[in-house]
Amino acid sequence: DIQRALVWSRLQLYDRMNDPSRSLEFVRALAAKGIPSWQVEYLYPFIKERKDVDQRMALATLVRPAVKAQPEMDRRFARLIIEGLLEKKDGAAAYEASREFVKQFPKSGDGWQLLAKSAEAFGQPFEADRSWSVITNKAVPTMAIWWEGMLSRARIRTQSNRSDEACPLLQQMEKHRQYLPAEFKDQFGAVREGARCATTTAQA
């Protein structure tokens, strides 16, 4: 308990000092010694909450090699790094990292979601569509991720040279429209308008 308090207190102190270099050096020292699970429980939320993407990625990159023996934490830190790459608009690096993520965690919905987003950012719309389909084929319309995936697939198709292929997806969404999350209502309207499918626009 004392060790936990010391680690957490020092992290908070450096954060209040607004000196990222001190946090970086402290975490580097922890990683060099090997990070036990109880320390990771504190480090992960601290790192995830960093608003500065460069600081967040630097810390996550330091910690990840030290948690390879903890698959769940390894997955979480890998996601932080890929999300950072996407935030920095580095589609190429995000795409490569996402492909490795899916190889390492093939059953992870996070992995397929990251691969879908990074593939689109890297200019691979067909792979993005396929990656989202892995999620939508397993999810159900009462889940927000199903809507995110279906809307993303429809948008990708609408923006490509196969816009007519977005219509079957929109028809599926119309059937389950009562489950449409409020956060996706504007996106649903925009995608539907862009696709201009006869059956869906008639119901607008």
C-alpha atoms as a PDB file:
ATOM      1  CA  ASP A   1       0.000   0.000   0.000  1.00  0.00           C
ATOM      2  CA  ILE A   2       2.855   2.372   0.803  1.00  0.00           C
ATOM      3  CA  GLN A   3       4.523   1.612  -2.530  1.00  0.00           C
ATOM      4  CA  ARG A   4       1.276   2.222  -4.360  1.00  0.00           C
ATOM      5  CA  ALA A   5       0.846   5.554  -2.608  1.00  0.00           C
ATOM      6  CA  LEU A   6       4.411   6.611  -3.400  1.00  0.00           C
ATOM      7  CA  VAL A   7       4.133   5.775  -7.100  1.00  0.00           C
ATOM      8  CA  TRP A   8       0.757   7.456  -7.500  1.00  0.00           C
ATOM      9  CA  SER A   9       1.802  10.520  -5.489  1.00  0.00           C
ATOM     10  CA  ARG A  10       4.918  11.043  -7.544  1.00  0.00           C
ATOM     11  CA  LEU A  11       2.983  10.755 -10.791  1.00  0.00           C
ATOM     12  CA  GLN A  12       0.467  13.322  -9.551  1.00  0.00           C
ATOM     13  CA  LEU A  13       3.240  15.626  -8.343  1.00  0.00           C
ATOM     14  CA  TYR A  14       4.984  15.629 -11.717  1.00  0.00           C
ATOM     15  CA  ASP A  15       1.660  16.187 -13.409  1.00  0.00           C
ATOM     16  CA  ARG A  16       0.958  19.245 -11.240  1.00  0.00           C
ATOM     17  CA  MET A  17       4.461  20.548 -11.933  1.00  0.00           C
ATOM     18  CA  ASN A  18       3.531  20.448 -15.622  1.00  0.00           C
ATOM     19  CA  ASP A  19       6.906  18.925 -16.429  1.00  0.00           C
ATOM     20  CA  PRO A  20       6.410  15.975 -18.823  1.00  0.00           C
ATOM     21  CA  SER A  21      10.139  15.216 -18.821  1.00  0.00           C
ATOM     22  CA  ARG A  22      10.017  14.257 -15.131  1.00  0.00           C
ATOM     23  CA  SER A  23       7.063  11.924 -15.706  1.00  0.00           C
ATOM     24  CA  LEU A  24       8.888  10.388 -18.650  1.00  0.00           C
ATOM     25  CA  GLU A  25      12.070   9.758 -16.680  1.00  0.00           C
ATOM     26  CA  PHE A  26      10.152   8.330 -13.735  1.00  0.00           C
ATOM     27  CA  VAL A  27       8.200   5.935 -15.941  1.00  0.00           C
ATOM     28  CA  ARG A  28      11.378   4.995 -17.808  1.00  0.00           C
ATOM     29  CA  ALA A  29      12.976   4.030 -14.486  1.00  0.00           C
ATOM     30  CA  LEU A  30       9.940   1.945 -13.532  1.00  0.00           C
ATOM     31  CA  ALA A  31       9.949   0.187 -16.912  1.00  0.00           C
ATOM     32  CA  ALA A  32      13.657  -0.596 -16.653  1.00  0.00           C
ATOM     33  CA  LYS A  33      13.043  -2.510 -13.431  1.00  0.00           C
ATOM     34  CA  GLY A  34      10.030  -4.370 -14.787  1.00  0.00           C
ATOM     35  CA  ILE A  35       6.521  -3.190 -14.031  1.00  0.00           C
ATOM     36  CA  PRO A  36       4.390  -5.412 -11.772  1.00  0.00           C
ATOM     37  CA  SER A  37       0.668  -5.584 -12.329  1.00  0.00           C
ATOM     38  CA  TRP A  38      -0.163  -3.344  -9.361  1.00  0.00           C
ATOM     39  CA  GLN A  39       1.929  -0.533 -10.850  1.00  0.00           C
ATOM     40  CA  VAL A  40       0.328  -0.926 -14.261  1.00  0.00           C
ATOM     41  CA  GLU A  41      -3.077  -0.446 -12.655  1.00  0.00           C
ATOM     42  CA  TYR A  42      -1.982   3.090 -11.801  1.00  0.00           C
ATOM     43  CA  LEU A  43       0.139   3.811 -14.854  1.00  0.00           C
ATOM     44  CA  TYR A  44      -2.460   2.942 -17.468  1.00  0.00           C
ATOM     45  CA  PRO A  45      -5.151   5.454 -16.423  1.00  0.00           C
ATOM     46  CA  PHE A  46      -2.472   8.095 -15.811  1.00  0.00           C
ATOM     47  CA  ILE A  47      -1.062   7.656 -19.310  1.00  0.00           C
ATOM     48  CA  LYS A  48      -4.445   7.338 -20.990  1.00  0.00           C
ATOM     49  CA  GLU A  49      -5.575  10.646 -19.512  1.00  0.00           C
ATOM     50  CA  ARG A  50      -2.629  12.629 -20.945  1.00  0.00           C
ATOM     51  CA  LYS A  51      -4.114  15.250 -23.251  1.00  0.00           C
ATOM     52  CA  ASP A  52      -0.885  15.783 -25.149  1.00  0.00           C
ATOM     53  CA  VAL A  53      -0.759  13.030 -27.751  1.00  0.00           C
ATOM     54  CA  ASP A  54       3.059  13.043 -28.001  1.00  0.00           C
ATOM     55  CA  GLN A  55       3.435  12.660 -24.241  1.00  0.00           C
ATOM     56  CA  ARG A  56       0.783   9.931 -24.165  1.00  0.00           C
ATOM     57  CA  MET A  57       2.463   7.981 -26.947  1.00  0.00           C
ATOM     58  CA  ALA A  58       5.947   8.374 -25.475  1.00  0.00           C
ATOM     59  CA  LEU A  59       4.806   7.008 -22.119  1.00  0.00           C
ATOM     60  CA  ALA A  60       2.806   4.158 -23.668  1.00  0.00           C
ATOM     61  CA  THR A  61       5.760   3.204 -25.871  1.00  0.00           C
ATOM     62  CA  LEU A  62       8.008   3.076 -22.812  1.00  0.00           C
ATOM     63  CA  VAL A  63       5.660   0.907 -20.793  1.00  0.00           C
ATOM     64  CA  ARG A  64       4.459  -1.560 -23.411  1.00  0.00           C
ATOM     65  CA  PRO A  65       7.651  -3.703 -23.632  1.00  0.00           C
ATOM     66  CA  ALA A  66       7.540  -4.073 -19.851  1.00  0.00           C
ATOM     67  CA  VAL A  67       4.013  -5.522 -19.844  1.00  0.00           C
ATOM     68  CA  LYS A  68       4.404  -8.150 -22.569  1.00  0.00           C
ATOM     69  CA  ALA A  69       3.736 -10.838 -19.966  1.00  0.00           C
ATOM     70  CA  GLN A  70       0.384  -9.187 -19.170  1.00  0.00           C
ATOM     71  CA  PRO A  71      -1.661  -9.715 -22.384  1.00  0.00           C
ATOM     72  CA  GLU A  72      -4.595  -7.530 -21.376  1.00  0.00           C
ATOM     73  CA  MET A  73      -2.393  -4.559 -20.494  1.00  0.00           C
ATOM     74  CA  ASP A  74      -0.230  -5.172 -23.543  1.00  0.00           C
ATOM     75  CA  ARG A  75      -3.401  -4.900 -25.638  1.00  0.00           C
ATOM     76  CA  ARG A  76      -4.480  -1.688 -23.917  1.00  0.00           C
ATOM     77  CA  PHE A  77      -1.133   0.038 -24.394  1.00  0.00           C
ATOM     78  CA  ALA A  78      -0.957  -1.086 -28.022  1.00  0.00           C
ATOM     79  CA  ARG A  79      -4.357   0.500 -28.563  1.00  0.00           C
ATOM     80  CA  LEU A  80      -3.218   3.761 -26.971  1.00  0.00           C
ATOM     81  CA  ILE A  81      -0.258   3.896 -29.343  1.00  0.00           C
ATOM     82  CA  ILE A  82      -2.356   3.221 -32.456  1.00  0.00           C
ATOM     83  CA  GLU A  83      -5.007   5.723 -31.401  1.00  0.00           C
ATOM     84  CA  GLY A  84      -2.218   8.254 -30.978  1.00  0.00           C
ATOM     85  CA  LEU A  85      -0.931   7.561 -34.482  1.00  0.00           C
ATOM     86  CA  LEU A  86      -4.432   8.083 -35.864  1.00  0.00           C
ATOM     87  CA  GLU A  87      -4.768  11.305 -33.889  1.00  0.00           C
ATOM     88  CA  LYS A  88      -1.468  12.487 -35.405  1.00  0.00           C
ATOM     89  CA  LYS A  89      -2.786  11.616 -38.888  1.00  0.00           C
ATOM     90  CA  ASP A  90      -0.030   9.052 -39.433  1.00  0.00           C
ATOM     91  CA  GLY A  91      -2.169   6.611 -41.379  1.00  0.00           C
ATOM     92  CA  ALA A  92       0.729   4.524 -42.657  1.00  0.00           C
ATOM     93  CA  ALA A  93       2.186   3.808 -39.215  1.00  0.00           C
ATOM     94  CA  ALA A  94      -1.273   3.270 -37.715  1.00  0.00           C
ATOM     95  CA  TYR A  95      -2.102   0.807 -40.491  1.00  0.00           C
ATOM     96  CA  GLU A  96       1.040  -1.265 -39.955  1.00  0.00           C
ATOM     97  CA  ALA A  97       0.615  -1.242 -36.182  1.00  0.00           C
ATOM     98  CA  SER A  98      -3.047  -2.236 -36.506  1.00  0.00           C
ATOM     99  CA  ARG A  99      -2.201  -5.173 -38.743  1.00  0.00           C
ATOM    100  CA  GLU A 100       0.253  -6.420 -36.116  1.00  0.00           C
ATOM    101  CA  PHE A 101      -2.365  -5.835 -33.423  1.00  0.00           C
ATOM    102  CA  VAL A 102      -4.898  -8.033 -35.235  1.00  0.00           C
ATOM    103  CA  LYS A 103      -2.295 -10.769 -35.704  1.00  0.00           C
ATOM    104  CA  GLN A 104      -1.522 -10.706 -32.005  1.00  0.00           C
ATOM    105  CA  PHE A 105      -5.136 -10.339 -30.831  1.00  0.00           C
ATOM    106  CA  PRO A 106      -7.286 -11.811 -33.639  1.00  0.00           C
ATOM    107  CA  LYS A 107     -10.400 -12.058 -31.474  1.00  0.00           C
ATOM    108  CA  SER A 108     -10.210  -8.482 -30.241  1.00  0.00           C
ATOM    109  CA  GLY A 109     -12.960  -6.192 -31.457  1.00  0.00           C
ATOM    110  CA  ASP A 110     -10.638  -3.306 -30.632  1.00  0.00           C
ATOM    111  CA  GLY A 111      -8.136  -4.639 -33.132  1.00  0.00           C
ATOM    112  CA  TRP A 112     -10.579  -4.836 -36.019  1.00  0.00           C
ATOM    113  CA  GLN A 113     -11.941  -1.403 -35.189  1.00  0.00           C
ATOM    114  CA  LEU A 114      -8.437   0.076 -35.211  1.00  0.00           C
ATOM    115  CA  LEU A 115      -7.575  -1.727 -38.429  1.00  0.00           C
ATOM    116  CA  ALA A 116     -10.744  -0.408 -40.070  1.00  0.00           C
ATOM    117  CA  LYS A 117      -9.983   3.177 -39.071  1.00  0.00           C
ATOM    118  CA  SER A 118      -6.319   3.023 -39.972  1.00  0.00           C
ATOM    119  CA  ALA A 119      -6.959   1.257 -43.291  1.00  0.00           C
ATOM    120  CA  GLU A 120      -9.333   4.046 -44.277  1.00  0.00           C
ATOM    121  CA  ALA A 121      -6.816   6.674 -43.142  1.00  0.00           C
ATOM    122  CA  PHE A 122      -4.161   4.910 -45.222  1.00  0.00           C
ATOM    123  CA  GLY A 123      -6.337   4.878 -48.337  1.00  0.00           C
ATOM    124  CA  GLN A 124      -7.436   1.233 -48.189  1.00  0.00           C
ATOM    125  CA  PRO A 125     -11.261   1.522 -48.270  1.00  0.00           C
ATOM    126  CA  PHE A 126     -11.914  -2.102 -49.225  1.00  0.00           C
ATOM    127  CA  GLU A 127      -9.878  -3.400 -46.286  1.00  0.00           C
ATOM    128  CA  ALA A 128     -11.558  -0.855 -44.008  1.00  0.00           C
ATOM    129  CA  ASP A 129     -14.967  -2.128 -45.120  1.00  0.00           C
ATOM    130  CA  ARG A 130     -13.937  -5.758 -44.572  1.00  0.00           C
ATOM    131  CA  SER A 131     -12.544  -4.981 -41.136  1.00  0.00           C
ATOM    132  CA  TRP A 132     -15.747  -3.249 -40.048  1.00  0.00           C
ATOM    133  CA  SER A 133     -17.712  -6.219 -41.367  1.00  0.00           C
ATOM    134  CA  VAL A 134     -15.875  -8.525 -38.934  1.00  0.00           C
ATOM    135  CA  ILE A 135     -17.398  -6.413 -36.162  1.00  0.00           C
ATOM    136  CA  THR A 136     -20.871  -5.871 -37.621  1.00  0.00           C
ATOM    137  CA  ASN A 137     -21.258  -9.571 -38.420  1.00  0.00           C
ATOM    138  CA  LYS A 138     -20.776 -10.424 -34.741  1.00  0.00           C
ATOM    139  CA  ALA A 139     -22.483  -7.433 -33.124  1.00  0.00           C
ATOM    140  CA  VAL A 140     -26.228  -6.738 -32.940  1.00  0.00           C
ATOM    141  CA  PRO A 141     -28.274  -3.569 -33.652  1.00  0.00           C
ATOM    142  CA  THR A 142     -28.755  -2.867 -29.952  1.00  0.00           C
ATOM    143  CA  MET A 143     -25.003  -2.244 -29.666  1.00  0.00           C
ATOM    144  CA  ALA A 144     -23.437   1.134 -30.483  1.00  0.00           C
ATOM    145  CA  ILE A 145     -20.467  -0.569 -32.171  1.00  0.00           C
ATOM    146  CA  TRP A 146     -22.851  -2.163 -34.698  1.00  0.00           C
ATOM    147  CA  TRP A 147     -24.077   1.286 -35.714  1.00  0.00           C
ATOM    148  CA  GLU A 148     -20.587   2.719 -35.867  1.00  0.00           C
ATOM    149  CA  GLY A 149     -19.485  -0.148 -38.071  1.00  0.00           C
ATOM    150  CA  MET A 150     -22.510  -0.127 -40.367  1.00  0.00           C
ATOM    151  CA  LEU A 151     -22.418   3.643 -40.803  1.00  0.00           C
ATOM    152  CA  SER A 152     -18.691   3.533 -41.503  1.00  0.00           C
ATOM    153  CA  ARG A 153     -19.142   0.807 -44.116  1.00  0.00           C
ATOM    154  CA  ALA A 154     -21.997   2.699 -45.791  1.00  0.00           C
ATOM    155  CA  ARG A 155     -20.020   5.945 -45.792  1.00  0.00           C
ATOM    156  CA  ILE A 156     -16.936   4.249 -47.239  1.00  0.00           C
ATOM    157  CA  ARG A 157     -19.010   2.721 -50.037  1.00  0.00           C
ATOM    158  CA  THR A 158     -20.811   5.991 -50.730  1.00  0.00           C
ATOM    159  CA  GLN A 159     -17.505   7.810 -51.091  1.00  0.00           C
ATOM    160  CA  SER A 160     -16.110   5.151 -53.434  1.00  0.00           C
ATOM    161  CA  ASN A 161     -17.141   4.103 -56.921  1.00  0.00           C
ATOM    162  CA  ARG A 162     -19.617   1.588 -55.502  1.00  0.00           C
ATOM    163  CA  SER A 163     -22.083   3.905 -53.811  1.00  0.00           C
ATOM    164  CA  ASP A 164     -25.012   1.662 -54.784  1.00  0.00           C
ATOM    165  CA  GLU A 165     -23.579  -1.047 -52.507  1.00  0.00           C
ATOM    166  CA  ALA A 166     -24.255   1.211 -49.529  1.00  0.00           C
ATOM    167  CA  CYS A 167     -28.008   0.809 -50.021  1.00  0.00           C
ATOM    168  CA  PRO A 168     -28.351  -2.745 -48.616  1.00  0.00           C
ATOM    169  CA  LEU A 169     -26.512  -1.614 -45.496  1.00  0.00           C
ATOM    170  CA  LEU A 170     -28.801   1.385 -45.097  1.00  0.00           C
ATOM    171  CA  GLN A 171     -31.837  -0.863 -45.560  1.00  0.00           C
ATOM    172  CA  GLN A 172     -30.596  -3.037 -42.684  1.00  0.00           C
ATOM    173  CA  MET A 173     -30.165   0.043 -40.528  1.00  0.00           C
ATOM    174  CA  GLU A 174     -33.654   1.276 -41.370  1.00  0.00           C
ATOM    175  CA  LYS A 175     -35.108  -2.003 -40.105  1.00  0.00           C
ATOM    176  CA  HIS A 176     -33.497  -1.397 -36.726  1.00  0.00           C
ATOM    177  CA  ARG A 177     -33.772   2.360 -36.609  1.00  0.00           C
ATOM    178  CA  GLN A 178     -35.448   2.272 -33.182  1.00  0.00           C
ATOM    179  CA  TYR A 179     -32.065   1.279 -31.761  1.00  0.00           C
ATOM    180  CA  LEU A 180     -30.123   4.112 -33.430  1.00  0.00           C
ATOM    181  CA  PRO A 181     -28.027   5.800 -30.698  1.00  0.00           C
ATOM    182  CA  ALA A 182     -28.509   9.552 -30.412  1.00  0.00           C
ATOM    183  CA  GLU A 183     -24.799  10.109 -31.013  1.00  0.00           C
ATOM    184  CA  PHE A 184     -25.099   8.617 -34.519  1.00  0.00           C
ATOM    185  CA  LYS A 185     -28.301  10.317 -35.700  1.00  0.00           C
ATOM    186  CA  ASP A 186     -26.559  13.108 -37.618  1.00  0.00           C
ATOM    187  CA  GLN A 187     -24.129  10.672 -39.185  1.00  0.00           C
ATOM    188  CA  PHE A 188     -26.986   8.383 -40.197  1.00  0.00           C
ATOM    189  CA  GLY A 189     -28.778  11.274 -41.914  1.00  0.00           C
ATOM    190  CA  ALA A 190     -25.622  12.362 -43.731  1.00  0.00           C
ATOM    191  CA  VAL A 191     -24.825   8.865 -44.978  1.00  0.00           C
ATOM    192  CA  ARG A 192     -28.380   8.260 -46.076  1.00  0.00           C
ATOM    193  CA  GLU A 193     -28.447  11.547 -47.958  1.00  0.00           C
ATOM    194  CA  GLY A 194     -25.111  10.777 -49.612  1.00  0.00           C
ATOM    195  CA  ALA A 195     -26.209   7.332 -50.753  1.00  0.00           C
ATOM    196  CA  ARG A 196     -29.558   8.544 -52.129  1.00  0.00           C
ATOM    197  CA  CYS A 197     -31.119   5.099 -52.007  1.00  0.00           C
ATOM    198  CA  ALA A 198     -34.744   5.110 -53.159  1.00  0.00           C
ATOM    199  CA  THR A 199     -36.098   3.076 -50.246  1.00  0.00           C
ATOM    200  CA  THR A 200     -34.286   5.020 -47.539  1.00  0.00           C
ATOM    201  CA  THR A 201     -34.751   8.535 -48.869  1.00  0.00           C
ATOM    202  CA  ALA A 202     -38.446   7.866 -49.291  1.00  0.00           C
ATOM    203  CA  GLN A 203     -38.644   7.172 -45.536  1.00  0.00           C
ATOM    204  CA  ALA A 204     -36.708  10.305 -44.562  1.00  0.00           C
END
